[in-house]
Amino acid sequence: MQISVVNQENQVLATSRPCGYGVALEYTQAYQASDTVVLSVEKAGLFELQIDECLGKSVVYLEEEARFQIPTEASKRTCYPKLAFTGDCHLMTLTP
């Protein structure tokens, strides 16, 4: 199980570390256009995901890999809290 942040060229900018029963990633840079969160799991199933510290945890079903492009433009963040995906410190967690 792993969380990664990749850029437009698919270069890995950061990867998660083990934390409790799952993994956590503290990303200490501002997101750039086309940055993407990549969630990887070995076995399909239900997982608890928190993709930004401003958002609550969600139960998601994952199979192998899922990608979430970070909404860096304000016009694409209208359905999220005002501070979601902004600033230069971001915490993500993934647990089985």
N, C-alpha and C. Protein backbone atom coordinates (compact mmCIF):
# COMPACT_ATOMS: atom_id res chain seq x y z
N MET A 1 0.86 -1.16 0.00
CA MET A 1 0.00 0.00 0.00
C MET A 1 0.91 1.23 0.00
N GLN A 2 0.60 2.18 -0.88
CA GLN A 2 1.46 3.35 -1.00
C GLN A 2 0.69 4.55 -1.55
N ILE A 3 1.09 5.73 -1.11
CA ILE A 3 0.60 6.99 -1.65
C ILE A 3 1.81 7.69 -2.25
N SER A 4 1.65 8.21 -3.46
CA SER A 4 2.73 8.97 -4.09
C SER A 4 2.14 10.24 -4.70
N VAL A 5 2.98 11.25 -4.83
CA VAL A 5 2.64 12.45 -5.59
C VAL A 5 3.57 12.46 -6.78
N VAL A 6 2.98 12.55 -7.98
CA VAL A 6 3.78 12.59 -9.21
C VAL A 6 3.45 13.87 -9.97
N ASN A 7 4.41 14.31 -10.78
CA ASN A 7 4.19 15.52 -11.57
C ASN A 7 3.73 15.17 -12.98
N GLN A 8 3.64 16.16 -13.81
CA GLN A 8 3.16 16.02 -15.19
C GLN A 8 3.97 15.00 -15.99
N GLU A 9 5.28 14.90 -15.69
CA GLU A 9 6.15 13.95 -16.40
C GLU A 9 6.17 12.58 -15.73
N ASN A 10 5.28 12.37 -14.75
CA ASN A 10 5.17 11.13 -14.00
C ASN A 10 6.39 10.86 -13.12
N GLN A 11 7.13 11.92 -12.78
CA GLN A 11 8.24 11.80 -11.85
C GLN A 11 7.68 11.79 -10.43
N VAL A 12 8.17 10.88 -9.61
CA VAL A 12 7.70 10.77 -8.23
C VAL A 12 8.31 11.90 -7.41
N LEU A 13 7.44 12.72 -6.82
CA LEU A 13 7.88 13.85 -6.00
C LEU A 13 7.96 13.48 -4.52
N ALA A 14 7.12 12.52 -4.08
CA ALA A 14 7.11 12.09 -2.69
C ALA A 14 6.38 10.76 -2.59
N THR A 15 6.75 9.95 -1.59
CA THR A 15 6.07 8.69 -1.34
C THR A 15 5.79 8.55 0.15
N SER A 16 4.80 7.74 0.46
CA SER A 16 4.36 7.56 1.84
C SER A 16 5.31 6.67 2.62
N ARG A 17 5.09 6.70 3.94
CA ARG A 17 5.84 5.84 4.87
C ARG A 17 4.83 5.09 5.73
N PRO A 18 5.22 3.93 6.26
CA PRO A 18 4.32 3.22 7.16
C PRO A 18 3.94 4.08 8.36
N CYS A 19 2.68 3.96 8.75
CA CYS A 19 2.16 4.74 9.88
C CYS A 19 1.00 3.95 10.49
N GLY A 20 1.19 3.41 11.68
CA GLY A 20 0.14 2.61 12.29
C GLY A 20 -0.16 1.39 11.43
N TYR A 21 -1.44 1.20 11.09
CA TYR A 21 -1.84 0.08 10.25
C TYR A 21 -1.78 0.39 8.77
N GLY A 22 -1.48 1.62 8.42
CA GLY A 22 -1.49 2.02 7.01
C GLY A 22 -0.25 2.80 6.64
N VAL A 23 -0.45 3.81 5.80
CA VAL A 23 0.65 4.66 5.35
C VAL A 23 0.21 6.12 5.43
N ALA A 24 1.20 7.00 5.53
CA ALA A 24 0.93 8.44 5.56
C ALA A 24 1.96 9.15 4.71
N LEU A 25 1.53 10.24 4.10
CA LEU A 25 2.43 11.06 3.29
C LEU A 25 2.25 12.51 3.70
N GLU A 26 3.33 13.12 4.14
CA GLU A 26 3.34 14.56 4.41
C GLU A 26 4.10 15.20 3.25
N TYR A 27 3.37 15.96 2.44
CA TYR A 27 3.95 16.61 1.27
C TYR A 27 4.16 18.07 1.61
N THR A 28 5.40 18.51 1.60
CA THR A 28 5.73 19.85 2.10
C THR A 28 6.10 20.82 0.99
N GLN A 29 5.31 20.81 -0.06
CA GLN A 29 5.46 21.77 -1.16
C GLN A 29 4.06 22.17 -1.62
N ALA A 30 3.97 23.31 -2.26
CA ALA A 30 2.70 23.70 -2.87
C ALA A 30 2.48 22.82 -4.10
N TYR A 31 1.25 22.41 -4.32
CA TYR A 31 0.93 21.62 -5.51
C TYR A 31 1.08 22.48 -6.76
N GLN A 32 1.55 21.86 -7.82
CA GLN A 32 1.67 22.51 -9.12
C GLN A 32 0.60 21.94 -10.05
N ALA A 33 0.28 22.67 -11.10
CA ALA A 33 -0.70 22.19 -12.09
C ALA A 33 -0.26 20.82 -12.58
N SER A 34 -1.19 19.92 -12.71
CA SER A 34 -0.99 18.55 -13.18
C SER A 34 -0.37 17.61 -12.16
N ASP A 35 -0.10 18.05 -10.91
CA ASP A 35 0.33 17.12 -9.88
C ASP A 35 -0.80 16.14 -9.61
N THR A 36 -0.44 14.89 -9.37
CA THR A 36 -1.42 13.83 -9.22
C THR A 36 -1.06 12.97 -8.01
N VAL A 37 -2.06 12.56 -7.24
CA VAL A 37 -1.88 11.61 -6.15
C VAL A 37 -2.13 10.22 -6.73
N VAL A 38 -1.20 9.31 -6.48
CA VAL A 38 -1.32 7.93 -6.95
C VAL A 38 -1.46 7.03 -5.73
N LEU A 39 -2.54 6.26 -5.68
CA LEU A 39 -2.78 5.30 -4.60
C LEU A 39 -2.54 3.91 -5.15
N SER A 40 -1.67 3.15 -4.50
CA SER A 40 -1.35 1.80 -4.96
C SER A 40 -1.60 0.81 -3.84
N VAL A 41 -2.28 -0.29 -4.18
CA VAL A 41 -2.54 -1.36 -3.21
C VAL A 41 -2.21 -2.69 -3.85
N GLU A 42 -1.81 -3.66 -3.02
CA GLU A 42 -1.47 -4.98 -3.53
C GLU A 42 -2.70 -5.83 -3.80
N LYS A 43 -3.72 -5.64 -2.97
CA LYS A 43 -4.93 -6.46 -3.08
C LYS A 43 -6.15 -5.54 -3.06
N ALA A 44 -7.08 -5.77 -3.97
CA ALA A 44 -8.29 -4.96 -4.05
C ALA A 44 -9.09 -5.06 -2.75
N GLY A 45 -9.74 -3.96 -2.39
CA GLY A 45 -10.57 -3.96 -1.21
C GLY A 45 -10.96 -2.57 -0.78
N LEU A 46 -11.57 -2.49 0.40
CA LEU A 46 -12.00 -1.22 0.97
C LEU A 46 -10.87 -0.63 1.81
N PHE A 47 -10.67 0.67 1.67
CA PHE A 47 -9.63 1.38 2.39
C PHE A 47 -10.19 2.70 2.90
N GLU A 48 -9.61 3.19 3.99
CA GLU A 48 -9.98 4.50 4.51
C GLU A 48 -8.94 5.50 4.02
N LEU A 49 -9.39 6.52 3.30
CA LEU A 49 -8.52 7.49 2.66
C LEU A 49 -8.81 8.90 3.15
N GLN A 50 -7.76 9.62 3.47
CA GLN A 50 -7.87 11.06 3.70
C GLN A 50 -6.87 11.70 2.75
N ILE A 51 -7.38 12.38 1.73
CA ILE A 51 -6.52 12.90 0.66
C ILE A 51 -6.05 14.33 0.93
N ASP A 52 -6.64 14.99 1.93
CA ASP A 52 -6.20 16.33 2.34
C ASP A 52 -6.64 16.53 3.78
N GLU A 53 -5.82 17.23 4.55
CA GLU A 53 -6.14 17.41 5.97
C GLU A 53 -7.41 18.23 6.19
N CYS A 54 -7.86 18.98 5.19
CA CYS A 54 -9.11 19.75 5.30
C CYS A 54 -10.34 18.90 5.02
N LEU A 55 -10.14 17.72 4.49
CA LEU A 55 -11.26 16.84 4.13
C LEU A 55 -11.34 15.70 5.14
N GLY A 56 -12.53 15.20 5.36
CA GLY A 56 -12.69 14.06 6.24
C GLY A 56 -12.21 12.78 5.58
N LYS A 57 -12.18 11.72 6.36
CA LYS A 57 -11.79 10.42 5.81
C LYS A 57 -12.97 9.82 5.05
N SER A 58 -12.65 9.08 4.00
CA SER A 58 -13.66 8.42 3.18
C SER A 58 -13.29 6.96 3.01
N VAL A 59 -14.29 6.11 2.93
CA VAL A 59 -14.04 4.71 2.60
C VAL A 59 -14.13 4.58 1.09
N VAL A 60 -13.08 4.03 0.50
CA VAL A 60 -13.01 3.89 -0.95
C VAL A 60 -12.65 2.45 -1.31
N TYR A 61 -13.10 2.02 -2.47
CA TYR A 61 -12.72 0.71 -2.99
C TYR A 61 -11.60 0.93 -3.99
N LEU A 62 -10.47 0.25 -3.78
CA LEU A 62 -9.32 0.39 -4.68
C LEU A 62 -8.93 -0.95 -5.27
N GLU A 63 -8.55 -0.91 -6.54
CA GLU A 63 -7.98 -2.07 -7.23
C GLU A 63 -6.63 -1.65 -7.80
N GLU A 64 -5.57 -2.21 -7.31
CA GLU A 64 -4.21 -1.96 -7.78
C GLU A 64 -3.79 -0.50 -7.72
N GLU A 65 -4.33 0.37 -8.60
CA GLU A 65 -3.88 1.76 -8.64
C GLU A 65 -5.04 2.69 -8.97
N ALA A 66 -5.05 3.84 -8.29
CA ALA A 66 -6.02 4.89 -8.59
C ALA A 66 -5.26 6.21 -8.62
N ARG A 67 -5.70 7.13 -9.49
CA ARG A 67 -5.04 8.43 -9.63
C ARG A 67 -6.06 9.54 -9.41
N PHE A 68 -5.61 10.58 -8.73
CA PHE A 68 -6.45 11.75 -8.44
C PHE A 68 -5.64 12.99 -8.78
N GLN A 69 -6.05 13.70 -9.82
CA GLN A 69 -5.35 14.93 -10.19
C GLN A 69 -5.75 16.03 -9.22
N ILE A 70 -4.76 16.68 -8.62
CA ILE A 70 -5.00 17.72 -7.64
C ILE A 70 -5.65 18.93 -8.32
N PRO A 71 -6.77 19.42 -7.78
CA PRO A 71 -7.41 20.61 -8.36
C PRO A 71 -6.65 21.88 -7.93
N THR A 72 -5.68 22.30 -8.70
CA THR A 72 -4.86 23.45 -8.33
C THR A 72 -5.51 24.78 -8.67
N GLU A 73 -6.41 24.80 -9.64
CA GLU A 73 -7.09 26.04 -10.01
C GLU A 73 -8.29 26.26 -9.10
N ALA A 74 -8.47 27.48 -8.64
CA ALA A 74 -9.59 27.81 -7.75
C ALA A 74 -10.93 27.41 -8.36
N SER A 75 -11.08 27.55 -9.67
CA SER A 75 -12.35 27.21 -10.33
C SER A 75 -12.65 25.71 -10.26
N LYS A 76 -11.64 24.88 -10.03
CA LYS A 76 -11.85 23.43 -9.93
C LYS A 76 -11.98 22.97 -8.48
N ARG A 77 -11.85 23.89 -7.52
CA ARG A 77 -11.95 23.54 -6.11
C ARG A 77 -13.26 24.01 -5.49
N THR A 78 -14.25 24.36 -6.29
CA THR A 78 -15.48 24.94 -5.75
C THR A 78 -16.25 23.98 -4.84
N CYS A 79 -16.10 22.69 -5.01
CA CYS A 79 -16.84 21.73 -4.17
C CYS A 79 -16.04 21.30 -2.94
N TYR A 80 -14.87 21.89 -2.72
CA TYR A 80 -14.01 21.55 -1.59
C TYR A 80 -13.96 22.72 -0.61
N PRO A 81 -13.59 22.46 0.65
CA PRO A 81 -13.38 23.58 1.58
C PRO A 81 -12.34 24.55 1.02
N LYS A 82 -12.46 25.81 1.42
CA LYS A 82 -11.62 26.88 0.86
C LYS A 82 -10.12 26.58 0.92
N LEU A 83 -9.65 25.97 1.99
CA LEU A 83 -8.21 25.73 2.16
C LEU A 83 -7.73 24.38 1.64
N ALA A 84 -8.64 23.56 1.14
CA ALA A 84 -8.23 22.24 0.63
C ALA A 84 -7.27 22.39 -0.54
N PHE A 85 -6.22 21.60 -0.52
CA PHE A 85 -5.22 21.53 -1.59
C PHE A 85 -4.43 22.83 -1.77
N THR A 86 -4.44 23.71 -0.78
CA THR A 86 -3.68 24.96 -0.86
C THR A 86 -2.55 24.93 0.16
N GLY A 87 -1.63 25.87 0.05
CA GLY A 87 -0.52 25.96 0.99
C GLY A 87 0.61 25.02 0.62
N ASP A 88 1.55 24.87 1.56
CA ASP A 88 2.72 24.05 1.26
C ASP A 88 2.94 22.93 2.26
N CYS A 89 1.87 22.48 2.92
CA CYS A 89 1.95 21.32 3.80
C CYS A 89 0.65 20.53 3.67
N HIS A 90 0.77 19.28 3.23
CA HIS A 90 -0.40 18.45 2.95
C HIS A 90 -0.20 17.08 3.59
N LEU A 91 -1.23 16.56 4.25
CA LEU A 91 -1.17 15.26 4.90
C LEU A 91 -2.21 14.34 4.28
N MET A 92 -1.74 13.16 3.84
CA MET A 92 -2.61 12.14 3.27
C MET A 92 -2.40 10.83 4.03
N THR A 93 -3.49 10.09 4.24
CA THR A 93 -3.38 8.79 4.91
C THR A 93 -4.21 7.75 4.16
N LEU A 94 -3.76 6.50 4.25
CA LEU A 94 -4.47 5.37 3.64
C LEU A 94 -4.32 4.19 4.57
N THR A 95 -5.45 3.63 5.02
CA THR A 95 -5.42 2.48 5.92
C THR A 95 -6.40 1.42 5.44
N PRO A 96 -6.07 0.14 5.71
CA PRO A 96 -6.99 -0.94 5.30
C PRO A 96 -8.22 -0.99 6.18
